[in-house]
Protein backbone atom coordinates (compact mmCIF):
# COMPACT_ATOMS: atom_id res chain seq x y z
CA MET A 1 13.91 -34.07 59.17
CA ARG A 2 16.17 -36.12 57.61
CA ARG A 3 14.20 -35.18 54.35
CA PHE A 4 15.69 -31.32 54.96
CA TRP A 5 19.70 -32.72 55.33
CA PRO A 6 20.32 -32.23 51.25
CA LEU A 7 19.74 -28.51 51.87
CA LEU A 8 22.44 -28.42 55.11
CA PRO A 9 25.47 -28.20 52.99
CA VAL A 10 24.21 -25.69 50.42
CA LEU A 11 23.52 -23.30 53.26
CA LEU A 12 26.31 -24.52 55.01
CA VAL A 13 28.37 -22.74 51.68
CA VAL A 14 26.27 -19.94 51.31
CA ALA A 15 27.31 -19.15 55.09
CA GLY A 16 30.85 -19.86 54.38
CA ALA A 17 30.69 -17.85 51.46
CA TYR A 18 29.17 -14.74 52.80
CA ALA A 19 31.32 -15.29 55.97
CA LEU A 20 34.74 -15.08 54.16
CA GLY A 21 33.12 -11.93 52.06
CA LEU A 22 33.31 -13.58 48.73
CA GLN A 23 29.83 -12.22 47.54
CA HIS A 24 32.24 -8.68 46.91
CA GLU A 25 34.86 -10.67 44.74
CA LEU A 26 32.63 -11.70 41.77
CA ASN A 27 32.71 -8.45 40.05
CA TRP A 28 34.48 -6.67 37.39
CA ALA A 29 37.21 -4.67 39.78
CA THR A 30 38.46 -8.08 40.96
CA LEU A 31 38.55 -9.68 37.04
CA ALA A 32 40.46 -6.50 36.18
CA ALA A 33 42.80 -6.88 38.67
CA ARG A 34 43.85 -10.40 39.08
CA HIS A 35 42.99 -11.37 35.08
CA ALA A 36 46.60 -11.56 34.69
CA MET A 37 47.50 -13.63 37.33
CA LEU A 38 44.44 -15.78 35.93
CA ARG A 39 45.88 -16.29 32.90
CA ALA A 40 49.36 -17.28 34.04
CA LEU A 41 47.34 -19.89 36.07
CA VAL A 42 45.24 -21.12 33.17
CA ALA A 43 48.52 -21.37 31.46
CA ALA A 44 50.91 -23.23 33.51
CA HIS A 45 48.15 -25.85 34.81
CA PRO A 46 45.69 -25.83 32.06
CA LEU A 47 43.93 -29.04 33.22
CA ALA A 48 43.78 -28.13 37.32
CA ALA A 49 42.46 -24.51 36.11
CA CYS A 50 39.76 -26.11 33.58
CA LEU A 51 38.74 -28.33 36.68
CA ALA A 52 38.75 -25.82 39.19
CA PHE A 53 37.09 -22.95 37.07
CA VAL A 54 34.35 -26.24 36.18
CA ALA A 55 34.18 -26.68 40.65
CA THR A 56 33.73 -22.79 40.93
CA TYR A 57 30.99 -22.50 38.66
CA ALA A 58 28.82 -25.52 39.92
CA THR A 59 29.15 -24.48 43.27
CA ALA A 60 27.73 -21.03 42.65
CA VAL A 61 24.66 -22.25 40.81
CA ALA A 62 24.06 -24.72 43.18
CA VAL A 63 23.75 -22.04 46.12
CA SER A 64 22.62 -19.24 43.64
CA PHE A 65 25.78 -16.87 44.37
CA PRO A 66 25.24 -13.44 42.84
CA GLY A 67 27.84 -13.20 39.55
CA ALA A 68 27.34 -16.04 37.22
CA VAL A 69 27.20 -13.42 34.44
CA VAL A 70 31.25 -12.43 35.37
CA LEU A 71 31.87 -16.01 36.10
CA THR A 72 30.76 -16.46 32.15
CA VAL A 73 32.92 -13.22 30.94
CA ALA A 74 35.51 -14.91 32.62
CA GLY A 75 35.36 -18.35 31.14
CA GLY A 76 35.56 -16.65 27.76
CA LEU A 77 38.10 -14.31 28.61
CA LEU A 78 40.90 -17.71 30.21
CA PHE A 79 39.94 -19.97 28.11
CA GLY A 80 38.63 -18.50 25.08
CA THR A 81 35.17 -18.59 23.52
CA ALA A 82 34.58 -22.78 22.54
CA LEU A 83 36.69 -24.04 25.89
CA GLY A 84 34.78 -21.09 27.75
CA ALA A 85 31.44 -22.08 26.59
CA LEU A 86 31.89 -25.71 26.87
CA LEU A 87 33.52 -25.41 31.03
CA THR A 88 30.54 -22.79 31.89
CA VAL A 89 27.70 -25.07 30.24
CA THR A 90 29.50 -27.92 32.30
CA GLY A 91 29.48 -25.89 35.62
CA ALA A 92 26.38 -24.43 35.10
CA THR A 93 24.22 -27.71 34.14
CA THR A 94 25.83 -29.60 36.99
CA GLY A 95 25.21 -26.96 40.20
CA SER A 96 21.72 -26.94 38.77
CA VAL A 97 21.21 -30.25 38.76
CA LEU A 98 22.71 -30.67 42.42
CA ILE A 99 20.44 -27.97 44.04
CA PHE A 100 17.13 -29.20 41.88
CA LEU A 101 18.21 -32.66 43.70
CA ALA A 102 18.38 -31.07 46.84
CA ALA A 103 15.27 -29.54 46.66
CA ARG A 104 12.70 -32.03 45.09
CA THR A 105 14.18 -34.19 47.81
CA ALA A 106 14.04 -31.70 50.67
CA LEU A 107 10.87 -29.46 49.45
CA ALA A 108 8.87 -30.94 47.04
CA PRO A 109 7.30 -33.62 49.20
CA LEU A 110 6.27 -30.57 51.39
CA LEU A 111 4.48 -28.97 48.10
CA ALA A 112 3.20 -31.45 46.64
CA ALA A 113 1.34 -32.34 50.33
CA ARG A 114 -0.31 -28.57 50.51
CA ALA A 115 -0.65 -28.45 46.63
CA GLY A 116 -4.74 -27.45 45.39
CA PRO A 117 -6.39 -28.05 42.27
CA PHE A 118 -4.85 -25.52 40.25
CA LEU A 119 -0.95 -26.19 41.02
CA ASP A 120 -2.06 -29.97 40.55
CA ARG A 121 -3.01 -29.29 37.17
CA PHE A 122 0.03 -26.85 36.45
CA ARG A 123 2.28 -29.37 37.92
CA SER A 124 0.74 -32.60 35.67
CA GLY A 125 1.36 -30.16 32.66
CA LEU A 126 4.74 -28.92 33.14
CA GLN A 127 5.68 -32.76 33.86
CA ARG A 128 4.24 -33.94 30.75
CA ASP A 129 5.86 -31.19 28.84
CA ALA A 130 8.91 -30.70 31.06
CA PHE A 131 11.81 -30.66 28.53
CA SER A 132 9.89 -27.98 26.24
CA TYR A 133 9.13 -25.44 28.92
CA ILE A 134 12.59 -25.98 31.12
CA LEU A 135 14.20 -25.32 27.31
CA ALA A 136 12.77 -22.37 26.36
CA MET A 137 12.61 -20.63 30.34
CA ARG A 138 16.84 -21.57 29.83
CA LEU A 139 16.93 -19.86 26.06
CA ILE A 140 15.22 -16.69 27.25
CA PRO A 141 17.85 -14.62 29.28
CA VAL A 142 15.67 -12.45 31.21
CA ILE A 143 14.09 -15.86 33.72
CA PRO A 144 16.32 -15.82 37.13
CA PHE A 145 18.47 -18.89 36.85
CA TRP A 146 18.03 -20.26 40.45
CA LEU A 147 14.03 -19.97 39.30
CA VAL A 148 14.20 -22.31 36.79
CA ASN A 149 16.73 -24.29 39.10
CA LEU A 150 13.95 -24.37 41.76
CA ALA A 151 10.63 -24.24 39.98
CA PRO A 152 10.70 -27.54 38.34
CA ALA A 153 12.12 -29.47 41.55
CA LEU A 154 9.10 -28.47 43.58
CA LEU A 155 6.76 -28.83 41.11
CA GLY A 156 8.12 -32.98 40.62
CA VAL A 157 9.56 -33.12 37.15
CA ARG A 158 11.88 -35.62 36.52
CA LEU A 159 16.07 -35.42 36.38
CA ALA A 160 16.39 -36.23 32.82
CA PRO A 161 14.87 -33.33 31.14
CA PHE A 162 15.82 -30.99 33.76
CA ALA A 163 19.13 -32.12 32.90
CA ALA A 164 19.06 -31.80 29.64
CA ALA A 165 16.61 -28.80 28.80
CA THR A 166 19.13 -27.16 30.60
CA CYS A 167 22.91 -28.11 29.04
CA ILE A 168 20.89 -27.30 25.86
CA GLY A 169 18.96 -24.10 27.15
CA ILE A 170 21.99 -22.38 28.45
CA ILE A 171 24.60 -22.78 25.31
CA PRO A 172 23.60 -19.76 22.74
CA ALA A 173 23.87 -17.21 25.44
CA THR A 174 26.71 -19.12 27.12
CA THR A 175 28.42 -18.56 24.03
CA VAL A 176 27.25 -15.10 23.25
CA PHE A 177 29.08 -14.12 27.36
CA ALA A 178 32.36 -16.42 26.98
CA SER A 179 32.84 -14.75 23.21
CA LEU A 180 32.66 -11.08 24.98
CA GLY A 181 34.94 -12.19 27.36
CA ALA A 182 37.26 -13.44 24.69
CA GLY A 183 37.92 -9.81 23.69
CA ILE A 184 38.06 -7.72 26.81
CA GLY A 185 41.08 -8.51 28.14
CA ASP A 186 42.20 -4.78 26.88
CA VAL A 187 38.81 -3.33 28.26
CA LEU A 188 39.64 -4.37 31.93
CA ALA A 189 43.78 -3.38 31.44
CA ALA A 190 41.91 0.18 30.88
CA GLY A 191 39.25 0.13 34.28
CA GLY A 192 36.42 -0.14 31.68
CA ARG A 193 33.84 -3.18 31.74
CA PRO A 194 32.19 -5.30 29.10
CA ASP A 195 28.64 -4.10 28.19
CA LEU A 196 26.50 -6.87 28.66
CA THR A 197 23.06 -5.03 27.34
CA VAL A 198 24.34 -7.08 23.88
CA ILE A 199 22.36 -10.00 25.40
CA LEU A 200 19.64 -7.86 24.84
CA SER A 201 20.11 -6.32 21.65
CA PRO A 202 17.71 -8.01 18.42
CA PRO A 203 20.67 -9.14 16.83
CA VAL A 204 20.57 -11.55 19.82
CA LEU A 205 17.97 -11.86 21.57
CA LEU A 206 15.26 -11.99 19.03
CA PRO A 207 17.23 -15.77 17.85
CA LEU A 208 16.85 -16.71 21.59
CA LEU A 209 13.14 -15.80 21.46
CA GLY A 210 12.59 -17.62 18.48
CA LEU A 211 14.42 -20.60 19.53
CA ALA A 212 12.20 -20.50 22.73
CA THR A 213 8.85 -20.42 20.30
CA LEU A 214 10.38 -22.96 18.33
CA SER A 215 11.19 -25.29 21.96
CA LEU A 216 7.78 -24.82 23.29
CA LEU A 217 5.61 -25.99 19.17
CA PRO A 218 5.62 -29.37 20.70
CA VAL A 219 3.37 -28.75 23.95
CA ALA A 220 1.29 -26.45 20.99
CA TRP A 221 0.72 -29.28 18.77
CA ARG A 222 -0.14 -31.68 21.53
CA ARG A 223 -2.94 -29.22 22.79
CA TRP A 224 -3.90 -28.80 19.35
CA LYS A 225 -4.36 -32.87 18.27
CA GLY A 226 -5.93 -33.43 22.36
CA GLN A 227 -8.73 -30.33 21.21
CA ASN A 228 -9.33 -31.93 18.13
CA VAL A 229 -9.81 -35.73 18.49
């Protein structure tokens, strides 16, 4: 049972957040109502605001709390595109690493004990090319973030390639959302909401898919080379 202790803080945070109704706070209406106050806090306490944003984002990711897109846009709104993207990437990577470690410690041994031959072969391939696979999944914005946090942990991927691929892979989409946030102050003040479908528009999505394809080229090369030896 000691193996499951790393998941206990996650479950307690989730229970506390839902008990306080925080799932209703991460939305556009709340951001529109409070963005002027938040901007004032950032101006008055810039360092503390940066640290609080990173901690909030890391916690939201670690417990797979809904509303990460709102937080990413809020980062651009409050800190500007460059700093907002940097803080978001830092928070998201930190939160991903925390839940990755918790899941790997608590659940991966259980799955490994019950894995069949197919899962063993799949796990071996993922472990060998973990960086390329995770980078490709991070670059494609339609793949659930929580799934890419948990699946590699359950399949025994090492921390270093997971963290590196996560940090690098989320930079493009994060920058797009932070840039969107940097210019929506007037939209929120007027009661509107940002158009998030921009991430699925061809000028944005196609380059992301292209980068994801390029990240898998080392995998394809090793397989081709292995078949022709």
